[in-house]
Protein backbone atom coordinates (compact mmCIF):
# COMPACT_ATOMS: atom_id res chain seq x y z
CA UNK A 1 3.71 -25.14 -60.73
CA UNK A 2 5.19 -24.65 -57.34
CA UNK A 3 3.29 -21.79 -55.65
CA UNK A 4 4.25 -20.28 -52.31
CA UNK A 5 2.18 -18.04 -50.10
CA UNK A 6 3.30 -15.62 -47.39
CA UNK A 7 1.48 -15.98 -44.11
CA UNK A 8 1.15 -12.69 -42.20
CA UNK A 9 -1.25 -10.23 -43.86
CA UNK A 10 -1.54 -12.54 -46.86
CA UNK A 11 -3.25 -15.70 -45.48
CA UNK A 12 -3.26 -15.04 -41.70
CA UNK A 13 -4.33 -11.68 -40.22
CA UNK A 14 -1.36 -9.89 -38.57
CA UNK A 15 -1.83 -8.35 -35.11
CA UNK A 16 -5.23 -6.66 -35.07
CA UNK A 17 -6.88 -9.29 -37.20
CA UNK A 18 -8.99 -6.68 -38.91
CA UNK A 19 -7.32 -6.78 -42.32
CA UNK A 20 -9.77 -9.29 -43.69
CA UNK A 21 -12.48 -11.81 -42.68
CA UNK A 22 -11.26 -15.27 -41.53
CA UNK A 23 -12.60 -18.78 -41.80
CA UNK A 24 -14.79 -19.92 -38.87
CA UNK A 25 -13.04 -21.42 -35.83
CA UNK A 26 -14.27 -25.05 -35.73
CA UNK A 27 -13.77 -27.40 -32.81
CA UNK A 28 -10.87 -29.12 -34.72
CA UNK A 29 -9.23 -25.84 -35.52
CA UNK A 30 -9.40 -24.79 -31.82
CA UNK A 31 -8.19 -28.25 -30.69
CA UNK A 32 -5.11 -27.94 -33.03
CA UNK A 33 -4.62 -24.33 -31.82
CA UNK A 34 -4.42 -23.32 -35.53
CA UNK A 35 -4.23 -19.77 -36.58
CA UNK A 36 -7.23 -18.37 -38.49
CA UNK A 37 -7.08 -18.30 -42.29
CA UNK A 38 -8.32 -15.67 -44.60
CA UNK A 39 -11.78 -16.47 -46.03
CA UNK A 40 -11.44 -18.28 -49.27
CA UNK A 41 -7.92 -19.69 -48.53
CA UNK A 42 -9.06 -23.24 -47.98
CA UNK A 43 -11.10 -23.59 -51.20
CA UNK A 44 -8.35 -21.69 -53.15
CA UNK A 45 -5.46 -23.91 -51.89
CA UNK A 46 -7.49 -27.16 -52.40
CA UNK A 47 -8.48 -26.13 -55.90
CA UNK A 48 -4.82 -25.30 -56.79
CA UNK A 49 -3.67 -28.65 -55.42
CA UNK A 50 -6.42 -30.49 -57.45
CA UNK A 51 -5.11 -28.77 -60.55
CA UNK A 52 -1.71 -30.35 -59.77
CA UNK A 53 0.03 -27.36 -58.20
CA UNK A 54 2.38 -27.74 -55.24
CA UNK A 55 1.44 -25.45 -52.28
CA UNK A 56 4.19 -23.99 -50.18
CA UNK A 57 4.45 -21.50 -47.40
CA UNK A 58 7.33 -18.87 -47.52
CA UNK A 59 7.31 -16.83 -44.40
CA UNK A 60 9.82 -14.51 -42.82
CA UNK A 61 8.49 -15.49 -39.41
CA UNK A 62 10.27 -17.89 -37.04
CA UNK A 63 7.13 -19.96 -36.42
CA UNK A 64 8.09 -23.70 -36.16
CA UNK A 65 7.35 -25.63 -39.39
CA UNK A 66 5.28 -28.20 -37.33
CA UNK A 67 3.10 -25.35 -36.02
CA UNK A 68 2.47 -24.11 -39.64
CA UNK A 69 1.87 -27.59 -40.97
CA UNK A 70 -0.58 -28.21 -38.06
CA UNK A 71 -2.44 -24.99 -38.75
CA UNK A 72 -3.05 -25.93 -42.43
CA UNK A 73 -3.81 -29.56 -41.52
CA UNK A 74 -6.58 -28.33 -39.15
CA UNK A 75 -8.05 -26.59 -42.20
CA UNK A 76 -7.76 -29.78 -44.33
CA UNK A 77 -4.74 -28.73 -46.31
CA UNK A 78 -1.58 -30.76 -46.71
CA UNK A 79 1.46 -28.43 -47.56
CA UNK A 80 4.11 -29.61 -50.03
CA UNK A 81 6.74 -27.48 -48.31
CA UNK A 82 7.55 -24.69 -45.90
CA UNK A 83 10.27 -22.04 -45.91
CA UNK A 84 10.59 -20.16 -42.65
CA UNK A 85 13.11 -17.42 -41.84
CA UNK A 86 15.41 -20.01 -40.32
CA UNK A 87 15.28 -22.14 -43.52
CA UNK A 88 15.83 -19.05 -45.67
CA UNK A 89 18.91 -18.08 -43.58
CA UNK A 90 20.36 -21.52 -43.86
CA UNK A 91 19.95 -21.79 -47.62
CA UNK A 92 19.89 -18.34 -49.04
CA UNK A 93 22.39 -16.32 -46.89
CA UNK A 94 25.38 -18.61 -47.73
CA UNK A 95 24.77 -17.82 -51.44
CA UNK A 96 25.31 -14.13 -50.56
CA UNK A 97 21.84 -13.29 -51.82
CA UNK A 98 20.54 -10.21 -50.10
CA UNK A 99 16.77 -10.53 -50.71
CA UNK A 100 14.26 -10.98 -47.88
CA UNK A 101 12.79 -13.90 -49.85
CA UNK A 102 14.34 -15.87 -52.75
CA UNK A 103 11.91 -18.32 -54.18
CA UNK A 104 14.37 -19.66 -56.89
CA UNK A 105 16.51 -21.17 -54.10
CA UNK A 106 13.61 -23.46 -53.33
CA UNK A 107 12.34 -24.16 -56.83
CA UNK A 108 9.29 -21.91 -56.30
CA UNK A 109 7.74 -20.60 -59.46
CA UNK A 110 5.39 -18.01 -57.97
CA UNK A 111 5.45 -16.22 -54.59
CA UNK A 112 2.24 -14.59 -53.38
CA UNK A 113 2.92 -11.94 -50.72
CA UNK A 114 1.52 -8.72 -49.34
CA UNK A 115 4.81 -6.84 -49.37
CA UNK A 116 5.55 -4.31 -52.07
CA UNK A 117 9.24 -4.61 -51.09
CA UNK A 118 9.15 -8.30 -51.97
CA UNK A 119 7.60 -7.46 -55.37
CA UNK A 120 10.45 -5.06 -56.00
CA UNK A 121 12.93 -7.77 -55.03
CA UNK A 122 11.17 -10.09 -57.49
CA UNK A 123 11.60 -7.57 -60.24
CA UNK A 124 15.31 -7.03 -59.38
CA UNK A 125 15.98 -10.79 -58.97
CA UNK A 126 13.98 -11.95 -61.94
CA UNK A 127 11.49 -14.10 -59.92
CA UNK A 128 7.73 -14.09 -60.27
CA UNK A 129 5.72 -12.41 -57.44
CA UNK A 130 2.16 -11.48 -57.12
CA UNK A 131 1.49 -8.79 -54.45
CA UNK A 132 -1.90 -8.98 -52.85
CA UNK A 133 -3.24 -6.12 -50.78
CA UNK A 134 -4.86 -7.45 -47.50
CA UNK A 135 -7.86 -5.17 -48.24
CA UNK A 136 -8.35 -6.54 -51.80
CA UNK A 137 -11.59 -8.61 -51.86
CA UNK A 138 -10.89 -9.84 -55.38
CA UNK A 139 -7.49 -11.39 -54.39
CA UNK A 140 -8.49 -15.01 -55.32
CA UNK A 141 -9.43 -14.19 -58.93
CA UNK A 142 -6.12 -12.33 -59.26
CA UNK A 143 -4.27 -15.50 -58.18
CA UNK A 144 -6.21 -17.71 -60.56
CA UNK A 145 -5.45 -15.22 -63.33
CA UNK A 146 -1.75 -15.14 -62.71
CA UNK A 147 -1.57 -18.92 -62.28
CA UNK A 148 -3.41 -19.65 -65.54
CA UNK A 149 -1.12 -17.15 -67.41
CA UNK A 150 1.96 -19.02 -66.10
CA UNK A 151 0.70 -22.58 -66.60
């Protein structure tokens, strides 16, 4: 299964950084100037990859892809693909699709995001989303549950 994760407020704390705890900042992570990841993200993504899933990032930010790739590399994770707002605009907009994110355009089977609006778009557009509240401490088990249901 191709699984995509949003960044801000899903895997990376947005602005205040108080939404959830983050992984420790090791020397390598500081050296690579990587953004902090939500506690549990590294183990989750490595486990999903070991089960044969592709791990993608789908973000509405304009971060450069190489910066995103470097952030995850510093945490020991090799991403299978990245969709930024720029990529989304190049691929989705010409199709006249008006959703803020459109996972089917990239062959993504499941999008994990924090935005209820993205969840509503998934319902309207017929694509699978899992909305995770940044304050939810049980977010990892919810992901495993949805992934196992859709395998």
